[in-house]
């Protein structure tokens, strides 16, 4: 007669995709931040000067909008901002 193997304690299992979703979210955030950083570095002298002046008072949403605007629309944004 054979003896059954001893029962091992079971550990709480995590959902298999939880770590993957968290890692994917982190990658998206990092890539988004890198994209905004690259857009800031490509600003012309006038836009960079404006950006330096408002750096502490501009919201993250306003910053994103400004950086994604075409150069022709940035003067109107600056006027509206002030």
C-alpha atoms as a PDB file:
ATOM      1  CA  UNK A   1       0.000   0.000   0.000  1.00  0.00           C
ATOM      2  CA  UNK A   2       1.340   3.466  -0.887  1.00  0.00           C
ATOM      3  CA  UNK A   3       1.346   6.430   1.457  1.00  0.00           C
ATOM      4  CA  UNK A   4      -0.149   9.688   0.084  1.00  0.00           C
ATOM      5  CA  UNK A   5       2.203  12.693   0.031  1.00  0.00           C
ATOM      6  CA  UNK A   6       1.878  15.121   2.946  1.00  0.00           C
ATOM      7  CA  UNK A   7      -0.331  18.130   2.425  1.00  0.00           C
ATOM      8  CA  UNK A   8       1.595  21.359   2.070  1.00  0.00           C
ATOM      9  CA  UNK A   9       0.102  24.618   3.322  1.00  0.00           C
ATOM     10  CA  UNK A  10      -1.387  26.697   0.544  1.00  0.00           C
ATOM     11  CA  UNK A  11      -0.423  30.316   0.109  1.00  0.00           C
ATOM     12  CA  UNK A  12      -2.807  33.037  -0.876  1.00  0.00           C
ATOM     13  CA  UNK A  13      -2.596  33.381  -4.614  1.00  0.00           C
ATOM     14  CA  UNK A  14      -2.471  36.696  -6.375  1.00  0.00           C
ATOM     15  CA  UNK A  15      -4.326  37.247  -9.535  1.00  0.00           C
ATOM     16  CA  UNK A  16      -1.938  36.356 -12.342  1.00  0.00           C
ATOM     17  CA  UNK A  17      -2.346  39.662 -14.200  1.00  0.00           C
ATOM     18  CA  UNK A  18      -2.127  42.051 -11.230  1.00  0.00           C
ATOM     19  CA  UNK A  19       1.637  42.461 -11.435  1.00  0.00           C
ATOM     20  CA  UNK A  20       1.539  42.819 -15.211  1.00  0.00           C
ATOM     21  CA  UNK A  21      -1.104  45.546 -15.062  1.00  0.00           C
ATOM     22  CA  UNK A  22       0.883  47.433 -12.435  1.00  0.00           C
ATOM     23  CA  UNK A  23       4.066  47.173 -14.451  1.00  0.00           C
ATOM     24  CA  UNK A  24       2.291  48.282 -17.633  1.00  0.00           C
ATOM     25  CA  UNK A  25       0.852  51.291 -15.804  1.00  0.00           C
ATOM     26  CA  UNK A  26       4.289  52.267 -14.547  1.00  0.00           C
ATOM     27  CA  UNK A  27       5.756  52.028 -18.046  1.00  0.00           C
ATOM     28  CA  UNK A  28       2.985  54.239 -19.448  1.00  0.00           C
ATOM     29  CA  UNK A  29       3.578  56.900 -16.782  1.00  0.00           C
ATOM     30  CA  UNK A  30       7.339  56.912 -17.352  1.00  0.00           C
ATOM     31  CA  UNK A  31       6.983  57.137 -21.130  1.00  0.00           C
ATOM     32  CA  UNK A  32       4.475  59.975 -20.796  1.00  0.00           C
ATOM     33  CA  UNK A  33       6.849  61.902 -18.537  1.00  0.00           C
ATOM     34  CA  UNK A  34       9.710  61.368 -20.993  1.00  0.00           C
ATOM     35  CA  UNK A  35       7.549  62.647 -23.832  1.00  0.00           C
ATOM     36  CA  UNK A  36       6.710  65.868 -21.958  1.00  0.00           C
ATOM     37  CA  UNK A  37      10.378  66.324 -21.044  1.00  0.00           C
ATOM     38  CA  UNK A  38      11.400  65.996 -24.701  1.00  0.00           C
ATOM     39  CA  UNK A  39       8.743  68.512 -25.752  1.00  0.00           C
ATOM     40  CA  UNK A  40      10.078  70.977 -23.160  1.00  0.00           C
ATOM     41  CA  UNK A  41      13.615  70.602 -24.509  1.00  0.00           C
ATOM     42  CA  UNK A  42      12.457  71.371 -28.070  1.00  0.00           C
ATOM     43  CA  UNK A  43      10.902  74.748 -27.189  1.00  0.00           C
ATOM     44  CA  UNK A  44      12.098  77.839 -29.009  1.00  0.00           C
ATOM     45  CA  UNK A  45      13.744  80.680 -27.049  1.00  0.00           C
ATOM     46  CA  UNK A  46      10.538  82.723 -26.572  1.00  0.00           C
ATOM     47  CA  UNK A  47       8.496  79.712 -25.514  1.00  0.00           C
ATOM     48  CA  UNK A  48      11.271  78.486 -23.208  1.00  0.00           C
ATOM     49  CA  UNK A  49      11.415  81.930 -21.559  1.00  0.00           C
ATOM     50  CA  UNK A  50       7.636  81.904 -21.001  1.00  0.00           C
ATOM     51  CA  UNK A  51       7.808  78.364 -19.690  1.00  0.00           C
ATOM     52  CA  UNK A  52      10.596  79.278 -17.243  1.00  0.00           C
ATOM     53  CA  UNK A  53       8.556  82.213 -15.919  1.00  0.00           C
ATOM     54  CA  UNK A  54       5.389  80.207 -15.303  1.00  0.00           C
ATOM     55  CA  UNK A  55       7.016  76.940 -14.259  1.00  0.00           C
ATOM     56  CA  UNK A  56       5.908  77.254 -10.627  1.00  0.00           C
ATOM     57  CA  UNK A  57       2.349  78.429 -11.257  1.00  0.00           C
ATOM     58  CA  UNK A  58       1.277  76.437 -14.324  1.00  0.00           C
ATOM     59  CA  UNK A  59      -0.784  73.307 -13.676  1.00  0.00           C
ATOM     60  CA  UNK A  60       0.181  69.961 -15.148  1.00  0.00           C
ATOM     61  CA  UNK A  61      -2.852  70.076 -17.433  1.00  0.00           C
ATOM     62  CA  UNK A  62      -1.950  73.575 -18.689  1.00  0.00           C
ATOM     63  CA  UNK A  63       1.653  72.455 -19.173  1.00  0.00           C
ATOM     64  CA  UNK A  64       0.546  69.504 -21.288  1.00  0.00           C
ATOM     65  CA  UNK A  65      -1.773  71.671 -23.389  1.00  0.00           C
ATOM     66  CA  UNK A  66       0.940  74.283 -23.972  1.00  0.00           C
ATOM     67  CA  UNK A  67       3.553  71.733 -24.982  1.00  0.00           C
ATOM     68  CA  UNK A  68       1.204  69.985 -27.410  1.00  0.00           C
ATOM     69  CA  UNK A  69       0.039  73.194 -29.120  1.00  0.00           C
ATOM     70  CA  UNK A  70       1.405  74.044 -32.559  1.00  0.00           C
ATOM     71  CA  UNK A  71       3.844  76.964 -32.467  1.00  0.00           C
ATOM     72  CA  UNK A  72       1.333  79.210 -34.231  1.00  0.00           C
ATOM     73  CA  UNK A  73      -1.186  78.864 -31.369  1.00  0.00           C
ATOM     74  CA  UNK A  74       1.200  79.387 -28.451  1.00  0.00           C
ATOM     75  CA  UNK A  75       1.060  83.229 -28.461  1.00  0.00           C
ATOM     76  CA  UNK A  76      -2.714  83.073 -27.930  1.00  0.00           C
ATOM     77  CA  UNK A  77      -2.199  80.624 -25.048  1.00  0.00           C
ATOM     78  CA  UNK A  78       0.354  82.966 -23.445  1.00  0.00           C
ATOM     79  CA  UNK A  79      -2.014  85.920 -23.753  1.00  0.00           C
ATOM     80  CA  UNK A  80      -4.893  83.947 -22.246  1.00  0.00           C
ATOM     81  CA  UNK A  81      -2.664  82.562 -19.466  1.00  0.00           C
ATOM     82  CA  UNK A  82      -1.637  86.014 -18.244  1.00  0.00           C
END
